Amino acid sequence: MNLSSYIDWSDNIVNSAIKDLTITKKVDRYTRAGQFGKFIVCPHCNQGATVFHFSWSALSCQHCDTMVEKNQWRLL
């Protein structure tokens, strides 16, 4: 299994599990992704994605197509 298919597989598993979680930590200017990336959650649709850097000011959610500012994304 290569890295991209593993990331897609894990994103699907986590997205189905986070519907019941309350996530309180948000992305800030000190958030770093690390070597394996971070899983962030959209505040509008509660779906997530893995990101590998935070050199952006806003990001469009892949699930609901909403443009979300960096400091509104939540960390899992």
PDB file of N, CA and C in Angstrom:
ATOM      1  N   MET A   1       0.856  -1.170   0.000  1.00  0.00           N
ATOM      2  CA  MET A   1       0.000   0.000   0.000  1.00  0.00           C
ATOM      3  C   MET A   1       0.905   1.236   0.000  1.00  0.00           C
ATOM      4  N   ASN A   2       0.716   2.123  -0.974  1.00  0.00           N
ATOM      5  CA  ASN A   2       1.550   3.316  -1.016  1.00  0.00           C
ATOM      6  C   ASN A   2       0.973   4.404  -0.106  1.00  0.00           C
ATOM      7  N   LEU A   3       1.725   5.469   0.065  1.00  0.00           N
ATOM      8  CA  LEU A   3       1.375   6.507   1.027  1.00  0.00           C
ATOM      9  C   LEU A   3       0.072   7.218   0.681  1.00  0.00           C
ATOM     10  N   SER A   4      -0.159   7.532  -0.589  1.00  0.00           N
ATOM     11  CA  SER A   4      -1.373   8.270  -0.954  1.00  0.00           C
ATOM     12  C   SER A   4      -2.633   7.425  -0.751  1.00  0.00           C
ATOM     13  N   SER A   5      -2.579   6.147  -1.062  1.00  0.00           N
ATOM     14  CA  SER A   5      -3.755   5.307  -0.832  1.00  0.00           C
ATOM     15  C   SER A   5      -3.980   5.088   0.656  1.00  0.00           C
ATOM     16  N   TYR A   6      -2.898   5.028   1.441  1.00  0.00           N
ATOM     17  CA  TYR A   6      -3.040   4.905   2.890  1.00  0.00           C
ATOM     18  C   TYR A   6      -3.676   6.156   3.475  1.00  0.00           C
ATOM     19  N   ILE A   7      -3.290   7.319   2.995  1.00  0.00           N
ATOM     20  CA  ILE A   7      -3.863   8.578   3.492  1.00  0.00           C
ATOM     21  C   ILE A   7      -5.341   8.649   3.149  1.00  0.00           C
ATOM     22  N   ASP A   8      -5.715   8.283   1.938  1.00  0.00           N
ATOM     23  CA  ASP A   8      -7.132   8.271   1.555  1.00  0.00           C
ATOM     24  C   ASP A   8      -7.928   7.294   2.413  1.00  0.00           C
ATOM     25  N   TRP A   9      -7.368   6.117   2.642  1.00  0.00           N
ATOM     26  CA  TRP A   9      -8.038   5.109   3.457  1.00  0.00           C
ATOM     27  C   TRP A   9      -8.222   5.603   4.894  1.00  0.00           C
ATOM     28  N   SER A  10      -7.159   6.176   5.470  1.00  0.00           N
ATOM     29  CA  SER A  10      -7.256   6.649   6.854  1.00  0.00           C
ATOM     30  C   SER A  10      -8.186   7.850   6.965  1.00  0.00           C
ATOM     31  N   ASP A  11      -8.209   8.729   5.970  1.00  0.00           N
ATOM     32  CA  ASP A  11      -9.144   9.854   5.977  1.00  0.00           C
ATOM     33  C   ASP A  11     -10.586   9.365   6.003  1.00  0.00           C
ATOM     34  N   ASN A  12     -10.907   8.346   5.229  1.00  0.00           N
ATOM     35  CA  ASN A  12     -12.269   7.803   5.217  1.00  0.00           C
ATOM     36  C   ASN A  12     -12.642   7.207   6.569  1.00  0.00           C
ATOM     37  N   ILE A  13     -11.731   6.491   7.180  1.00  0.00           N
ATOM     38  CA  ILE A  13     -11.996   5.886   8.489  1.00  0.00           C
ATOM     39  C   ILE A  13     -12.208   6.963   9.544  1.00  0.00           C
ATOM     40  N   VAL A  14     -11.338   7.960   9.565  1.00  0.00           N
ATOM     41  CA  VAL A  14     -11.430   9.011  10.577  1.00  0.00           C
ATOM     42  C   VAL A  14     -12.665   9.867  10.357  1.00  0.00           C
ATOM     43  N   ASN A  15     -13.005  10.183   9.107  1.00  0.00           N
ATOM     44  CA  ASN A  15     -14.192  10.989   8.838  1.00  0.00           C
ATOM     45  C   ASN A  15     -15.456  10.311   9.333  1.00  0.00           C
ATOM     46  N   SER A  16     -15.509   9.009   9.248  1.00  0.00           N
ATOM     47  CA  SER A  16     -16.690   8.320   9.748  1.00  0.00           C
ATOM     48  C   SER A  16     -16.714   8.284  11.273  1.00  0.00           C
ATOM     49  N   ALA A  17     -15.560   8.375  11.922  1.00  0.00           N
ATOM     50  CA  ALA A  17     -15.493   8.299  13.379  1.00  0.00           C
ATOM     51  C   ALA A  17     -15.614   9.650  14.072  1.00  0.00           C
ATOM     52  N   ILE A  18     -15.301  10.771  13.387  1.00  0.00           N
ATOM     53  CA  ILE A  18     -15.278  12.063  14.074  1.00  0.00           C
ATOM     54  C   ILE A  18     -16.646  12.713  14.182  1.00  0.00           C
ATOM     55  N   LYS A  19     -17.669  12.114  13.666  1.00  0.00           N
ATOM     56  CA  LYS A  19     -18.994  12.722  13.738  1.00  0.00           C
ATOM     57  C   LYS A  19     -19.476  12.856  15.175  1.00  0.00           C
ATOM     58  N   ASP A  20     -18.974  12.011  16.073  1.00  0.00           N
ATOM     59  CA  ASP A  20     -19.416  12.027  17.460  1.00  0.00           C
ATOM     60  C   ASP A  20     -18.460  12.775  18.388  1.00  0.00           C
ATOM     61  N   LEU A  21     -17.326  13.239  17.894  1.00  0.00           N
ATOM     62  CA  LEU A  21     -16.329  13.872  18.748  1.00  0.00           C
ATOM     63  C   LEU A  21     -16.552  15.373  18.885  1.00  0.00           C
ATOM     64  N   THR A  22     -16.170  15.911  20.017  1.00  0.00           N
ATOM     65  CA  THR A  22     -16.135  17.351  20.219  1.00  0.00           C
ATOM     66  C   THR A  22     -14.676  17.778  20.165  1.00  0.00           C
ATOM     67  N   ILE A  23     -14.335  18.563  19.180  1.00  0.00           N
ATOM     68  CA  ILE A  23     -12.951  18.965  18.966  1.00  0.00           C
ATOM     69  C   ILE A  23     -12.826  20.439  19.347  1.00  0.00           C
ATOM     70  N   THR A  24     -11.894  20.758  20.237  1.00  0.00           N
ATOM     71  CA  THR A  24     -11.817  22.123  20.734  1.00  0.00           C
ATOM     72  C   THR A  24     -10.560  22.861  20.291  1.00  0.00           C
ATOM     73  N   LYS A  25      -9.486  22.170  19.944  1.00  0.00           N
ATOM     74  CA  LYS A  25      -8.250  22.850  19.567  1.00  0.00           C
ATOM     75  C   LYS A  25      -8.316  23.300  18.115  1.00  0.00           C
ATOM     76  N   LYS A  26      -8.001  24.571  17.901  1.00  0.00           N
ATOM     77  CA  LYS A  26      -8.024  25.125  16.548  1.00  0.00           C
ATOM     78  C   LYS A  26      -6.611  25.363  16.041  1.00  0.00           C
ATOM     79  N   VAL A  27      -6.486  25.488  14.736  1.00  0.00           N
ATOM     80  CA  VAL A  27      -5.211  25.789  14.107  1.00  0.00           C
ATOM     81  C   VAL A  27      -4.853  27.239  14.434  1.00  0.00           C
ATOM     82  N   ASP A  28      -3.611  27.469  14.816  1.00  0.00           N
ATOM     83  CA  ASP A  28      -3.139  28.833  15.026  1.00  0.00           C
ATOM     84  C   ASP A  28      -1.827  29.036  14.273  1.00  0.00           C
ATOM     85  N   ARG A  29      -1.190  30.152  14.480  1.00  0.00           N
ATOM     86  CA  ARG A  29       0.021  30.439  13.708  1.00  0.00           C
ATOM     87  C   ARG A  29       1.214  29.604  14.151  1.00  0.00           C
ATOM     88  N   TYR A  30       1.122  28.944  15.277  1.00  0.00           N
ATOM     89  CA  TYR A  30       2.208  28.105  15.773  1.00  0.00           C
ATOM     90  C   TYR A  30       2.023  26.629  15.415  1.00  0.00           C
ATOM     91  N   THR A  31       0.937  26.262  14.762  1.00  0.00           N
ATOM     92  CA  THR A  31       0.664  24.876  14.406  1.00  0.00           C
ATOM     93  C   THR A  31       1.631  24.426  13.310  1.00  0.00           C
ATOM     94  N   ARG A  32       2.227  23.274  13.526  1.00  0.00           N
ATOM     95  CA  ARG A  32       3.144  22.692  12.548  1.00  0.00           C
ATOM     96  C   ARG A  32       2.629  21.311  12.161  1.00  0.00           C
ATOM     97  N   ALA A  33       2.877  20.915  10.926  1.00  0.00           N
ATOM     98  CA  ALA A  33       2.335  19.654  10.428  1.00  0.00           C
ATOM     99  C   ALA A  33       3.204  18.458  10.791  1.00  0.00           C
ATOM    100  N   GLY A  34       4.479  18.634  10.889  1.00  0.00           N
ATOM    101  CA  GLY A  34       5.348  17.496  11.177  1.00  0.00           C
ATOM    102  C   GLY A  34       5.594  16.656   9.943  1.00  0.00           C
ATOM    103  N   GLN A  35       6.310  15.573  10.120  1.00  0.00           N
ATOM    104  CA  GLN A  35       6.706  14.731   8.988  1.00  0.00           C
ATOM    105  C   GLN A  35       5.539  13.993   8.356  1.00  0.00           C
ATOM    106  N   PHE A  36       4.557  13.596   9.151  1.00  0.00           N
ATOM    107  CA  PHE A  36       3.455  12.790   8.635  1.00  0.00           C
ATOM    108  C   PHE A  36       2.172  13.583   8.450  1.00  0.00           C
ATOM    109  N   GLY A  37       2.207  14.901   8.626  1.00  0.00           N
ATOM    110  CA  GLY A  37       1.044  15.744   8.418  1.00  0.00           C
ATOM    111  C   GLY A  37       0.127  15.786   9.631  1.00  0.00           C
ATOM    112  N   LYS A  38      -0.881  16.640   9.551  1.00  0.00           N
ATOM    113  CA  LYS A  38      -1.897  16.762  10.596  1.00  0.00           C
ATOM    114  C   LYS A  38      -3.259  16.574   9.956  1.00  0.00           C
ATOM    115  N   PHE A  39      -4.181  16.059  10.732  1.00  0.00           N
ATOM    116  CA  PHE A  39      -5.546  15.872  10.270  1.00  0.00           C
ATOM    117  C   PHE A  39      -6.365  17.042  10.778  1.00  0.00           C
ATOM    118  N   ILE A  40      -6.935  17.829   9.860  1.00  0.00           N
ATOM    119  CA  ILE A  40      -7.737  18.992  10.234  1.00  0.00           C
ATOM    120  C   ILE A  40      -9.195  18.727   9.864  1.00  0.00           C
ATOM    121  N   VAL A  41     -10.097  19.388  10.597  1.00  0.00           N
ATOM    122  CA  VAL A  41     -11.532  19.155  10.435  1.00  0.00           C
ATOM    123  C   VAL A  41     -12.213  20.468  10.086  1.00  0.00           C
ATOM    124  N   CYS A  42     -13.081  20.430   9.080  1.00  0.00           N
ATOM    125  CA  CYS A  42     -13.835  21.606   8.647  1.00  0.00           C
ATOM    126  C   CYS A  42     -14.884  21.957   9.704  1.00  0.00           C
ATOM    127  N   PRO A  43     -15.010  23.232  10.069  1.00  0.00           N
ATOM    128  CA  PRO A  43     -16.013  23.614  11.060  1.00  0.00           C
ATOM    129  C   PRO A  43     -17.436  23.608  10.513  1.00  0.00           C
ATOM    130  N   HIS A  44     -17.606  23.568   9.197  1.00  0.00           N
ATOM    131  CA  HIS A  44     -18.937  23.619   8.602  1.00  0.00           C
ATOM    132  C   HIS A  44     -19.560  22.240   8.423  1.00  0.00           C
ATOM    133  N   CYS A  45     -18.783  21.286   7.911  1.00  0.00           N
ATOM    134  CA  CYS A  45     -19.356  19.971   7.601  1.00  0.00           C
ATOM    135  C   CYS A  45     -18.801  18.848   8.470  1.00  0.00           C
ATOM    136  N   ASN A  46     -17.840  19.146   9.338  1.00  0.00           N
ATOM    137  CA  ASN A  46     -17.199  18.164  10.223  1.00  0.00           C
ATOM    138  C   ASN A  46     -16.540  17.016   9.469  1.00  0.00           C
ATOM    139  N   GLN A  47     -16.082  17.269   8.267  1.00  0.00           N
ATOM    140  CA  GLN A  47     -15.293  16.308   7.511  1.00  0.00           C
ATOM    141  C   GLN A  47     -13.844  16.763   7.574  1.00  0.00           C
ATOM    142  N   GLY A  48     -12.928  15.841   7.440  1.00  0.00           N
ATOM    143  CA  GLY A  48     -11.530  16.190   7.612  1.00  0.00           C
ATOM    144  C   GLY A  48     -10.660  15.847   6.434  1.00  0.00           C
ATOM    145  N   ALA A  49      -9.413  16.311   6.524  1.00  0.00           N
ATOM    146  CA  ALA A  49      -8.406  16.036   5.509  1.00  0.00           C
ATOM    147  C   ALA A  49      -7.038  16.131   6.163  1.00  0.00           C
ATOM    148  N   THR A  50      -6.058  15.503   5.553  1.00  0.00           N
ATOM    149  CA  THR A  50      -4.685  15.571   6.037  1.00  0.00           C
ATOM    150  C   THR A  50      -3.949  16.655   5.279  1.00  0.00           C
ATOM    151  N   VAL A  51      -3.244  17.519   6.009  1.00  0.00           N
ATOM    152  CA  VAL A  51      -2.420  18.555   5.383  1.00  0.00           C
ATOM    153  C   VAL A  51      -0.977  18.345   5.833  1.00  0.00           C
ATOM    154  N   PHE A  52      -0.050  18.749   4.985  1.00  0.00           N
ATOM    155  CA  PHE A  52       1.360  18.542   5.260  1.00  0.00           C
ATOM    156  C   PHE A  52       2.115  19.842   5.476  1.00  0.00           C
ATOM    157  N   HIS A  53       1.453  20.976   5.340  1.00  0.00           N
ATOM    158  CA  HIS A  53       2.049  22.271   5.674  1.00  0.00           C
ATOM    159  C   HIS A  53       0.929  23.257   5.950  1.00  0.00           C
ATOM    160  N   PHE A  54       1.261  24.336   6.611  1.00  0.00           N
ATOM    161  CA  PHE A  54       0.274  25.356   6.947  1.00  0.00           C
ATOM    162  C   PHE A  54       0.666  26.710   6.358  1.00  0.00           C
ATOM    163  N   SER A  55       1.271  26.708   5.189  1.00  0.00           N
ATOM    164  CA  SER A  55       1.655  27.959   4.555  1.00  0.00           C
ATOM    165  C   SER A  55       0.535  28.460   3.643  1.00  0.00           C
ATOM    166  N   TRP A  56      -0.644  28.628   4.227  1.00  0.00           N
ATOM    167  CA  TRP A  56      -1.823  29.134   3.536  1.00  0.00           C
ATOM    168  C   TRP A  56      -2.632  29.956   4.527  1.00  0.00           C
ATOM    169  N   SER A  57      -3.446  30.848   4.020  1.00  0.00           N
ATOM    170  CA  SER A  57      -4.272  31.677   4.907  1.00  0.00           C
ATOM    171  C   SER A  57      -5.719  31.209   4.927  1.00  0.00           C
ATOM    172  N   ALA A  58      -6.149  30.535   3.867  1.00  0.00           N
ATOM    173  CA  ALA A  58      -7.492  29.954   3.804  1.00  0.00           C
ATOM    174  C   ALA A  58      -7.411  28.716   2.915  1.00  0.00           C
ATOM    175  N   LEU A  59      -8.310  27.781   3.172  1.00  0.00           N
ATOM    176  CA  LEU A  59      -8.299  26.531   2.432  1.00  0.00           C
ATOM    177  C   LEU A  59      -9.732  26.138   2.128  1.00  0.00           C
ATOM    178  N   SER A  60      -9.973  25.668   0.921  1.00  0.00           N
ATOM    179  CA  SER A  60     -11.302  25.223   0.542  1.00  0.00           C
ATOM    180  C   SER A  60     -11.499  23.781   0.999  1.00  0.00           C
ATOM    181  N   CYS A  61     -12.607  23.534   1.677  1.00  0.00           N
ATOM    182  CA  CYS A  61     -12.920  22.180   2.137  1.00  0.00           C
ATOM    183  C   CYS A  61     -13.218  21.310   0.921  1.00  0.00           C
ATOM    184  N   GLN A  62     -12.652  20.120   0.896  1.00  0.00           N
ATOM    185  CA  GLN A  62     -12.840  19.219  -0.238  1.00  0.00           C
ATOM    186  C   GLN A  62     -14.220  18.582  -0.241  1.00  0.00           C
ATOM    187  N   HIS A  63     -14.913  18.617   0.886  1.00  0.00           N
ATOM    188  CA  HIS A  63     -16.196  17.950   0.991  1.00  0.00           C
ATOM    189  C   HIS A  63     -17.381  18.893   0.754  1.00  0.00           C
ATOM    190  N   CYS A  64     -17.323  20.110   1.331  1.00  0.00           N
ATOM    191  CA  CYS A  64     -18.461  21.027   1.196  1.00  0.00           C
ATOM    192  C   CYS A  64     -18.140  22.250   0.343  1.00  0.00           C
ATOM    193  N   ASP A  65     -16.920  22.350  -0.185  1.00  0.00           N
ATOM    194  CA  ASP A  65     -16.476  23.450  -1.062  1.00  0.00           C
ATOM    195  C   ASP A  65     -16.617  24.822  -0.427  1.00  0.00           C
ATOM    196  N   THR A  66     -16.536  24.903   0.897  1.00  0.00           N
ATOM    197  CA  THR A  66     -16.582  26.174   1.605  1.00  0.00           C
ATOM    198  C   THR A  66     -15.160  26.660   1.830  1.00  0.00           C
ATOM    199  N   MET A  67     -14.922  27.954   1.614  1.00  0.00           N
ATOM    200  CA  MET A  67     -13.616  28.541   1.872  1.00  0.00           C
ATOM    201  C   MET A  67     -13.528  28.851   3.367  1.00  0.00           C
ATOM    202  N   VAL A  68     -12.560  28.269   4.052  1.00  0.00           N
ATOM    203  CA  VAL A  68     -12.436  28.395   5.499  1.00  0.00           C
ATOM    204  C   VAL A  68     -11.084  29.016   5.833  1.00  0.00           C
ATOM    205  N   GLU A  69     -11.087  30.033   6.687  1.00  0.00           N
ATOM    206  CA  GLU A  69      -9.857  30.673   7.138  1.00  0.00           C
ATOM    207  C   GLU A  69      -9.028  29.685   7.954  1.00  0.00           C
ATOM    208  N   LYS A  70      -7.713  29.918   8.002  1.00  0.00           N
ATOM    209  CA  LYS A  70      -6.824  28.988   8.686  1.00  0.00           C
ATOM    210  C   LYS A  70      -7.166  28.841  10.169  1.00  0.00           C
ATOM    211  N   ASN A  71      -7.463  29.932  10.848  1.00  0.00           N
ATOM    212  CA  ASN A  71      -7.688  29.864  12.289  1.00  0.00           C
ATOM    213  C   ASN A  71      -9.065  29.294  12.651  1.00  0.00           C
ATOM    214  N   GLN A  72      -9.888  28.923  11.671  1.00  0.00           N
ATOM    215  CA  GLN A  72     -11.174  28.299  11.961  1.00  0.00           C
ATOM    216  C   GLN A  72     -11.133  26.776  11.846  1.00  0.00           C
ATOM    217  N   TRP A  73     -10.117  26.250  11.169  1.00  0.00           N
ATOM    218  CA  TRP A  73      -9.961  24.799  11.071  1.00  0.00           C
ATOM    219  C   TRP A  73      -9.676  24.238  12.449  1.00  0.00           C
ATOM    220  N   ARG A  74     -10.133  23.014  12.705  1.00  0.00           N
ATOM    221  CA  ARG A  74      -9.890  22.366  14.001  1.00  0.00           C
ATOM    222  C   ARG A  74      -8.942  21.178  13.818  1.00  0.00           C
ATOM    223  N   LEU A  75      -8.137  20.925  14.831  1.00  0.00           N
ATOM    224  CA  LEU A  75      -7.198  19.813  14.813  1.00  0.00           C
ATOM    225  C   LEU A  75      -7.804  18.599  15.481  1.00  0.00           C
ATOM    226  N   LEU A  76      -7.530  17.450  14.923  1.00  0.00           N
ATOM    227  CA  LEU A  76      -7.987  16.222  15.546  1.00  0.00           C
ATOM    228  C   LEU A  76      -6.877  15.657  16.399  1.00  0.00           C
TER     229      LEU A  76
END
